[in-house]
PDB file of all heavy atoms in Angstrom:
ATOM      1  N   ILE A   1      25.846   1.980  12.011  1.00  0.00           N
ATOM      2  CA  ILE A   1      26.827   1.971  10.942  1.00  0.00           C
ATOM      3  C   ILE A   1      27.298   3.408  10.678  1.00  0.00           C
ATOM      4  O   ILE A   1      26.483   4.282  10.312  1.00  0.00           O
ATOM      5  CB  ILE A   1      26.247   1.365   9.649  1.00  0.00           C
ATOM      6  CG1 ILE A   1      25.592   0.009   9.954  1.00  0.00           C
ATOM      7  CG2 ILE A   1      27.313   1.239   8.591  1.00  0.00           C
ATOM      8  CD1 ILE A   1      26.537  -1.012  10.520  1.00  0.00           C
ATOM      9  N   GLN A   2      28.605   3.667  10.861  1.00  0.00           N
ATOM     10  CA  GLN A   2      29.135   5.029  10.759  1.00  0.00           C
ATOM     11  C   GLN A   2      30.149   5.201   9.636  1.00  0.00           C
ATOM     12  O   GLN A   2      30.726   6.269   9.487  1.00  0.00           O
ATOM     13  CB  GLN A   2      29.791   5.418  12.093  1.00  0.00           C
ATOM     14  CG  GLN A   2      28.841   5.361  13.269  1.00  0.00           C
ATOM     15  CD  GLN A   2      29.528   5.717  14.596  1.00  0.00           C
ATOM     16  OE1 GLN A   2      30.606   6.308  14.580  1.00  0.00           O
ATOM     17  NE2 GLN A   2      28.916   5.355  15.706  1.00  0.00           N
ATOM     18  N   THR A   3      30.351   4.171   8.827  1.00  0.00           N
ATOM     19  CA  THR A   3      31.353   4.301   7.764  1.00  0.00           C
ATOM     20  C   THR A   3      31.054   3.294   6.659  1.00  0.00           C
ATOM     21  O   THR A   3      30.178   2.435   6.805  1.00  0.00           O
ATOM     22  CB  THR A   3      32.773   4.063   8.310  1.00  0.00           C
ATOM     23  OG1 THR A   3      33.725   4.254   7.277  1.00  0.00           O
ATOM     24  CG2 THR A   3      32.912   2.639   8.835  1.00  0.00           C
ATOM     25  N   LYS A   4      31.783   3.418   5.550  1.00  0.00           N
ATOM     26  CA  LYS A   4      31.663   2.482   4.434  1.00  0.00           C
ATOM     27  C   LYS A   4      32.775   1.450   4.506  1.00  0.00           C
ATOM     28  O   LYS A   4      33.723   1.595   5.272  1.00  0.00           O
ATOM     29  CB  LYS A   4      31.725   3.232   3.090  1.00  0.00           C
ATOM     30  CG  LYS A   4      30.553   4.157   2.836  1.00  0.00           C
ATOM     31  CD  LYS A   4      30.689   4.795   1.454  1.00  0.00           C
ATOM     32  CE  LYS A   4      29.480   5.680   1.150  1.00  0.00           C
ATOM     33  NZ  LYS A   4      29.577   6.294  -0.200  1.00  0.00           N
ATOM     34  N   LEU A   5      32.646   0.426   3.670  1.00  0.00           N
ATOM     35  CA  LEU A   5      33.669  -0.619   3.598  1.00  0.00           C
ATOM     36  C   LEU A   5      34.094  -0.838   2.154  1.00  0.00           C
ATOM     37  O   LEU A   5      33.289  -0.705   1.225  1.00  0.00           O
ATOM     38  CB  LEU A   5      33.118  -1.943   4.131  1.00  0.00           C
ATOM     39  CG  LEU A   5      33.059  -2.125   5.649  1.00  0.00           C
ATOM     40  CD1 LEU A   5      32.403  -3.461   5.974  1.00  0.00           C
ATOM     41  CD2 LEU A   5      34.439  -2.062   6.261  1.00  0.00           C
ATOM     42  N   LYS A   6      35.387  -1.177   1.980  1.00  0.00           N
ATOM     43  CA  LYS A   6      35.850  -1.593   0.663  1.00  0.00           C
ATOM     44  C   LYS A   6      35.221  -2.938   0.318  1.00  0.00           C
ATOM     45  O   LYS A   6      34.860  -3.725   1.192  1.00  0.00           O
ATOM     46  CB  LYS A   6      37.374  -1.711   0.640  1.00  0.00           C
ATOM     47  CG  LYS A   6      38.100  -0.379   0.788  1.00  0.00           C
ATOM     48  CD  LYS A   6      39.608  -0.600   0.744  1.00  0.00           C
ATOM     49  CE  LYS A   6      40.355   0.736   0.884  1.00  0.00           C
ATOM     50  NZ  LYS A   6      41.831   0.554   0.863  1.00  0.00           N
ATOM     51  N   MET A   7      35.125  -3.208  -0.980  1.00  0.00           N
ATOM     52  CA  MET A   7      34.455  -4.426  -1.429  1.00  0.00           C
ATOM     53  C   MET A   7      35.084  -5.671  -0.825  1.00  0.00           C
ATOM     54  O   MET A   7      34.411  -6.574  -0.326  1.00  0.00           O
ATOM     55  CB  MET A   7      34.481  -4.512  -2.951  1.00  0.00           C
ATOM     56  CG  MET A   7      33.715  -5.718  -3.505  1.00  0.00           C
ATOM     57  SD  MET A   7      34.089  -6.089  -5.202  1.00  0.00           S
ATOM     58  CE  MET A   7      35.746  -6.726  -5.037  1.00  0.00           C
ATOM     59  N   GLU A   8      36.438  -5.771  -0.875  1.00  0.00           N
ATOM     60  CA  GLU A   8      37.114  -6.972  -0.397  1.00  0.00           C
ATOM     61  C   GLU A   8      36.849  -7.189   1.082  1.00  0.00           C
ATOM     62  O   GLU A   8      36.614  -8.315   1.518  1.00  0.00           O
ATOM     63  CB  GLU A   8      38.624  -6.855  -0.645  1.00  0.00           C
ATOM     64  CG  GLU A   8      39.404  -8.081  -0.177  1.00  0.00           C
ATOM     65  CD  GLU A   8      40.897  -7.947  -0.421  1.00  0.00           C
ATOM     66  OE1 GLU A   8      41.332  -6.840  -0.780  1.00  0.00           O
ATOM     67  OE2 GLU A   8      41.606  -8.932  -0.227  1.00  0.00           O
ATOM     68  N   GLN A   9      36.869  -6.073   1.872  1.00  0.00           N
ATOM     69  CA  GLN A   9      36.642  -6.206   3.304  1.00  0.00           C
ATOM     70  C   GLN A   9      35.174  -6.482   3.607  1.00  0.00           C
ATOM     71  O   GLN A   9      34.839  -7.135   4.602  1.00  0.00           O
ATOM     72  CB  GLN A   9      37.120  -4.945   4.017  1.00  0.00           C
ATOM     73  CG  GLN A   9      38.625  -4.716   3.890  1.00  0.00           C
ATOM     74  CD  GLN A   9      39.071  -3.380   4.462  1.00  0.00           C
ATOM     75  OE1 GLN A   9      38.253  -2.551   4.847  1.00  0.00           O
ATOM     76  NE2 GLN A   9      40.377  -3.177   4.497  1.00  0.00           N
ATOM     77  N   ALA A  10      34.267  -6.017   2.743  1.00  0.00           N
ATOM     78  CA  ALA A  10      32.840  -6.187   2.979  1.00  0.00           C
ATOM     79  C   ALA A  10      32.444  -7.658   2.937  1.00  0.00           C
ATOM     80  O   ALA A  10      31.632  -8.122   3.743  1.00  0.00           O
ATOM     81  CB  ALA A  10      32.044  -5.391   1.954  1.00  0.00           C
ATOM     82  N   ILE A  11      33.008  -8.422   2.014  1.00  0.00           N
ATOM     83  CA  ILE A  11      32.605  -9.845   1.909  1.00  0.00           C
ATOM     84  C   ILE A  11      33.057 -10.627   3.148  1.00  0.00           C
ATOM     85  O   ILE A  11      32.332 -11.470   3.659  1.00  0.00           O
ATOM     86  CB  ILE A  11      33.161 -10.491   0.619  1.00  0.00           C
ATOM     87  CG1 ILE A  11      32.508 -11.857   0.423  1.00  0.00           C
ATOM     88  CG2 ILE A  11      34.664 -10.628   0.629  1.00  0.00           C
ATOM     89  CD1 ILE A  11      32.750 -12.449  -0.932  1.00  0.00           C
ATOM     90  N   TYR A  12      34.255 -10.274   3.673  1.00  0.00           N
ATOM     91  CA  TYR A  12      34.717 -10.966   4.876  1.00  0.00           C
ATOM     92  C   TYR A  12      33.853 -10.582   6.075  1.00  0.00           C
ATOM     93  O   TYR A  12      33.482 -11.436   6.890  1.00  0.00           O
ATOM     94  CB  TYR A  12      36.178 -10.616   5.148  1.00  0.00           C
ATOM     95  CG  TYR A  12      37.116 -10.993   4.013  1.00  0.00           C
ATOM     96  CD1 TYR A  12      38.145 -10.152   3.604  1.00  0.00           C
ATOM     97  CD2 TYR A  12      36.966 -12.202   3.348  1.00  0.00           C
ATOM     98  CE1 TYR A  12      38.983 -10.492   2.571  1.00  0.00           C
ATOM     99  CE2 TYR A  12      37.797 -12.553   2.304  1.00  0.00           C
ATOM    100  CZ  TYR A  12      38.806 -11.692   1.916  1.00  0.00           C
ATOM    101  OH  TYR A  12      39.637 -12.031   0.892  1.00  0.00           O
ATOM    102  N   CYS A  13      33.508  -9.270   6.188  1.00  0.00           N
ATOM    103  CA  CYS A  13      32.649  -8.828   7.297  1.00  0.00           C
ATOM    104  C   CYS A  13      31.261  -9.473   7.192  1.00  0.00           C
ATOM    105  O   CYS A  13      30.668  -9.837   8.204  1.00  0.00           O
ATOM    106  CB  CYS A  13      32.530  -7.310   7.299  1.00  0.00           C
ATOM    107  SG  CYS A  13      34.059  -6.457   7.761  1.00  0.00           S
ATOM    108  N   GLY A  14      30.747  -9.592   5.961  1.00  0.00           N
ATOM    109  CA  GLY A  14      29.452 -10.225   5.779  1.00  0.00           C
ATOM    110  C   GLY A  14      29.447 -11.671   6.249  1.00  0.00           C
ATOM    111  O   GLY A  14      28.505 -12.115   6.906  1.00  0.00           O
ATOM    112  N   LEU A  15      30.499 -12.419   5.901  1.00  0.00           N
ATOM    113  CA  LEU A  15      30.593 -13.809   6.353  1.00  0.00           C
ATOM    114  C   LEU A  15      30.710 -13.894   7.875  1.00  0.00           C
ATOM    115  O   LEU A  15      30.130 -14.774   8.511  1.00  0.00           O
ATOM    116  CB  LEU A  15      31.791 -14.501   5.690  1.00  0.00           C
ATOM    117  CG  LEU A  15      31.621 -14.825   4.198  1.00  0.00           C
ATOM    118  CD1 LEU A  15      32.960 -15.228   3.597  1.00  0.00           C
ATOM    119  CD2 LEU A  15      30.595 -15.910   3.987  1.00  0.00           C
ATOM    120  N   ILE A  16      31.494 -12.953   8.460  1.00  0.00           N
ATOM    121  CA  ILE A  16      31.663 -12.941   9.924  1.00  0.00           C
ATOM    122  C   ILE A  16      30.320 -12.692  10.603  1.00  0.00           C
ATOM    123  O   ILE A  16      29.916 -13.389  11.531  1.00  0.00           O
ATOM    124  CB  ILE A  16      32.696 -11.876  10.325  1.00  0.00           C
ATOM    125  CG1 ILE A  16      34.104 -12.334   9.914  1.00  0.00           C
ATOM    126  CG2 ILE A  16      32.640 -11.610  11.823  1.00  0.00           C
ATOM    127  CD1 ILE A  16      35.164 -11.278  10.085  1.00  0.00           C
ATOM    128  N   ILE A  17      29.578 -11.677  10.141  1.00  0.00           N
ATOM    129  CA  ILE A  17      28.296 -11.337  10.755  1.00  0.00           C
ATOM    130  C   ILE A  17      27.305 -12.490  10.576  1.00  0.00           C
ATOM    131  O   ILE A  17      26.548 -12.833  11.493  1.00  0.00           O
ATOM    132  CB  ILE A  17      27.748 -10.035  10.136  1.00  0.00           C
ATOM    133  CG1 ILE A  17      28.577  -8.845  10.666  1.00  0.00           C
ATOM    134  CG2 ILE A  17      26.273  -9.839  10.474  1.00  0.00           C
ATOM    135  CD1 ILE A  17      28.193  -7.527  10.073  1.00  0.00           C
ATOM    136  N   ASN A  18      27.298 -13.096   9.410  1.00  0.00           N
ATOM    137  CA  ASN A  18      26.406 -14.236   9.169  1.00  0.00           C
ATOM    138  C   ASN A  18      26.652 -15.348  10.179  1.00  0.00           C
ATOM    139  O   ASN A  18      25.717 -15.914  10.755  1.00  0.00           O
ATOM    140  CB  ASN A  18      26.601 -14.755   7.744  1.00  0.00           C
ATOM    141  CG  ASN A  18      25.725 -15.965   7.450  1.00  0.00           C
ATOM    142  OD1 ASN A  18      24.533 -15.853   7.241  1.00  0.00           O
ATOM    143  ND2 ASN A  18      26.331 -17.150   7.458  1.00  0.00           N
ATOM    144  N   GLU A  19      27.956 -15.688  10.423  1.00  0.00           N
ATOM    145  CA  GLU A  19      28.281 -16.767  11.357  1.00  0.00           C
ATOM    146  C   GLU A  19      27.887 -16.403  12.798  1.00  0.00           C
ATOM    147  O   GLU A  19      27.285 -17.212  13.506  1.00  0.00           O
ATOM    148  CB  GLU A  19      29.776 -17.081  11.289  1.00  0.00           C
ATOM    149  CG  GLU A  19      30.256 -17.643   9.968  1.00  0.00           C
ATOM    150  CD  GLU A  19      29.611 -18.964   9.628  1.00  0.00           C
ATOM    151  OE1 GLU A  19      29.324 -19.733  10.549  1.00  0.00           O
ATOM    152  OE2 GLU A  19      29.378 -19.229   8.427  1.00  0.00           O
ATOM    153  N   LEU A  20      28.234 -15.159  13.225  1.00  0.00           N
ATOM    154  CA  LEU A  20      28.013 -14.788  14.624  1.00  0.00           C
ATOM    155  C   LEU A  20      26.533 -14.592  14.941  1.00  0.00           C
ATOM    156  O   LEU A  20      26.044 -15.018  15.986  1.00  0.00           O
ATOM    157  CB  LEU A  20      28.812 -13.518  14.953  1.00  0.00           C
ATOM    158  CG  LEU A  20      30.341 -13.670  14.872  1.00  0.00           C
ATOM    159  CD1 LEU A  20      31.018 -12.355  15.173  1.00  0.00           C
ATOM    160  CD2 LEU A  20      30.831 -14.752  15.818  1.00  0.00           C
ATOM    161  N   VAL A  21      25.790 -13.954  14.032  1.00  0.00           N
ATOM    162  CA  VAL A  21      24.355 -13.754  14.267  1.00  0.00           C
ATOM    163  C   VAL A  21      23.631 -15.108  14.250  1.00  0.00           C
ATOM    164  O   VAL A  21      22.728 -15.346  15.043  1.00  0.00           O
ATOM    165  CB  VAL A  21      23.782 -12.784  13.222  1.00  0.00           C
ATOM    166  CG1 VAL A  21      22.259 -12.732  13.326  1.00  0.00           C
ATOM    167  CG2 VAL A  21      24.360 -11.387  13.422  1.00  0.00           C
ATOM    168  N   THR A  22      24.035 -15.983  13.346  1.00  0.00           N
ATOM    169  CA  THR A  22      23.443 -17.334  13.320  1.00  0.00           C
ATOM    170  C   THR A  22      23.679 -18.056  14.644  1.00  0.00           C
ATOM    171  O   THR A  22      22.770 -18.702  15.183  1.00  0.00           O
ATOM    172  CB  THR A  22      24.038 -18.156  12.159  1.00  0.00           C
ATOM    173  OG1 THR A  22      23.726 -17.512  10.918  1.00  0.00           O
ATOM    174  CG2 THR A  22      23.468 -19.566  12.146  1.00  0.00           C
ATOM    175  N   ASN A  23      24.922 -17.940  15.189  1.00  0.00           N
ATOM    176  CA  ASN A  23      25.215 -18.563  16.490  1.00  0.00           C
ATOM    177  C   ASN A  23      24.332 -17.974  17.585  1.00  0.00           C
ATOM    178  O   ASN A  23      23.846 -18.699  18.453  1.00  0.00           O
ATOM    179  CB  ASN A  23      26.684 -18.360  16.838  1.00  0.00           C
ATOM    180  CG  ASN A  23      27.574 -19.363  16.141  1.00  0.00           C
ATOM    181  OD1 ASN A  23      27.098 -20.312  15.549  1.00  0.00           O
ATOM    182  ND2 ASN A  23      28.873 -19.166  16.186  1.00  0.00           N
ATOM    183  N   SER A  24      24.114 -16.630  17.548  1.00  0.00           N
ATOM    184  CA  SER A  24      23.258 -16.013  18.558  1.00  0.00           C
ATOM    185  C   SER A  24      21.832 -16.538  18.461  1.00  0.00           C
ATOM    186  O   SER A  24      21.202 -16.857  19.468  1.00  0.00           O
ATOM    187  CB  SER A  24      23.279 -14.493  18.385  1.00  0.00           C
ATOM    188  OG  SER A  24      24.545 -13.955  18.664  1.00  0.00           O
ATOM    189  N   PHE A  25      21.312 -16.623  17.245  1.00  0.00           N
ATOM    190  CA  PHE A  25      19.952 -17.152  17.064  1.00  0.00           C
ATOM    191  C   PHE A  25      19.838 -18.582  17.579  1.00  0.00           C
ATOM    192  O   PHE A  25      18.821 -18.985  18.150  1.00  0.00           O
ATOM    193  CB  PHE A  25      19.552 -17.080  15.586  1.00  0.00           C
ATOM    194  CG  PHE A  25      18.893 -15.779  15.202  1.00  0.00           C
ATOM    195  CD1 PHE A  25      19.657 -14.637  14.965  1.00  0.00           C
ATOM    196  CD2 PHE A  25      17.512 -15.699  15.066  1.00  0.00           C
ATOM    197  CE1 PHE A  25      19.058 -13.455  14.606  1.00  0.00           C
ATOM    198  CE2 PHE A  25      16.914 -14.509  14.707  1.00  0.00           C
ATOM    199  CZ  PHE A  25      17.683 -13.378  14.467  1.00  0.00           C
ATOM    200  N   LYS A  26      20.891 -19.389  17.339  1.00  0.00           N
ATOM    201  CA  LYS A  26      20.842 -20.799  17.723  1.00  0.00           C
ATOM    202  C   LYS A  26      20.975 -20.995  19.236  1.00  0.00           C
ATOM    203  O   LYS A  26      20.273 -21.814  19.825  1.00  0.00           O
ATOM    204  CB  LYS A  26      21.955 -21.570  17.006  1.00  0.00           C
ATOM    205  CG  LYS A  26      21.697 -21.848  15.543  1.00  0.00           C
ATOM    206  CD  LYS A  26      22.846 -22.677  14.970  1.00  0.00           C
ATOM    207  CE  LYS A  26      22.606 -23.049  13.530  1.00  0.00           C
ATOM    208  NZ  LYS A  26      23.744 -23.824  12.971  1.00  0.00           N
ATOM    209  N   TYR A  27      21.946 -20.298  19.839  1.00  0.00           N
ATOM    210  CA  TYR A  27      22.368 -20.690  21.181  1.00  0.00           C
ATOM    211  C   TYR A  27      22.196 -19.623  22.264  1.00  0.00           C
ATOM    212  O   TYR A  27      22.221 -19.943  23.445  1.00  0.00           O
ATOM    213  CB  TYR A  27      23.848 -21.106  21.157  1.00  0.00           C
ATOM    214  CG  TYR A  27      24.196 -22.094  20.097  1.00  0.00           C
ATOM    215  CD1 TYR A  27      25.050 -21.767  19.044  1.00  0.00           C
ATOM    216  CD2 TYR A  27      23.651 -23.372  20.105  1.00  0.00           C
ATOM    217  CE1 TYR A  27      25.370 -22.677  18.049  1.00  0.00           C
ATOM    218  CE2 TYR A  27      23.969 -24.295  19.112  1.00  0.00           C
ATOM    219  CZ  TYR A  27      24.815 -23.932  18.084  1.00  0.00           C
ATOM    220  OH  TYR A  27      25.135 -24.820  17.113  1.00  0.00           O
ATOM    221  N   ALA A  28      22.047 -18.345  21.911  1.00  0.00           N
ATOM    222  CA  ALA A  28      22.161 -17.285  22.922  1.00  0.00           C
ATOM    223  C   ALA A  28      20.891 -17.096  23.735  1.00  0.00           C
ATOM    224  O   ALA A  28      20.952 -16.722  24.899  1.00  0.00           O
ATOM    225  CB  ALA A  28      22.556 -15.965  22.251  1.00  0.00           C
ATOM    226  N   PHE A  29      19.723 -17.369  23.147  1.00  0.00           N
ATOM    227  CA  PHE A  29      18.467 -16.988  23.790  1.00  0.00           C
ATOM    228  C   PHE A  29      17.623 -18.228  24.069  1.00  0.00           C
ATOM    229  O   PHE A  29      17.078 -18.843  23.131  1.00  0.00           O
ATOM    230  CB  PHE A  29      17.699 -15.993  22.917  1.00  0.00           C
ATOM    231  CG  PHE A  29      18.521 -14.812  22.490  1.00  0.00           C
ATOM    232  CD1 PHE A  29      18.983 -14.705  21.179  1.00  0.00           C
ATOM    233  CD2 PHE A  29      18.860 -13.804  23.395  1.00  0.00           C
ATOM    234  CE1 PHE A  29      19.741 -13.624  20.777  1.00  0.00           C
ATOM    235  CE2 PHE A  29      19.612 -12.728  22.992  1.00  0.00           C
ATOM    236  CZ  PHE A  29      20.070 -12.618  21.689  1.00  0.00           C
TER     237      PHE A  29
END
């Protein structure tokens, strides 16, 4: 992590990371 995020953008990034990491845990390995 090399920078900060604005509040509005942080919630969208959080939801994106939650979905993608969950997919990795479920299906990638």
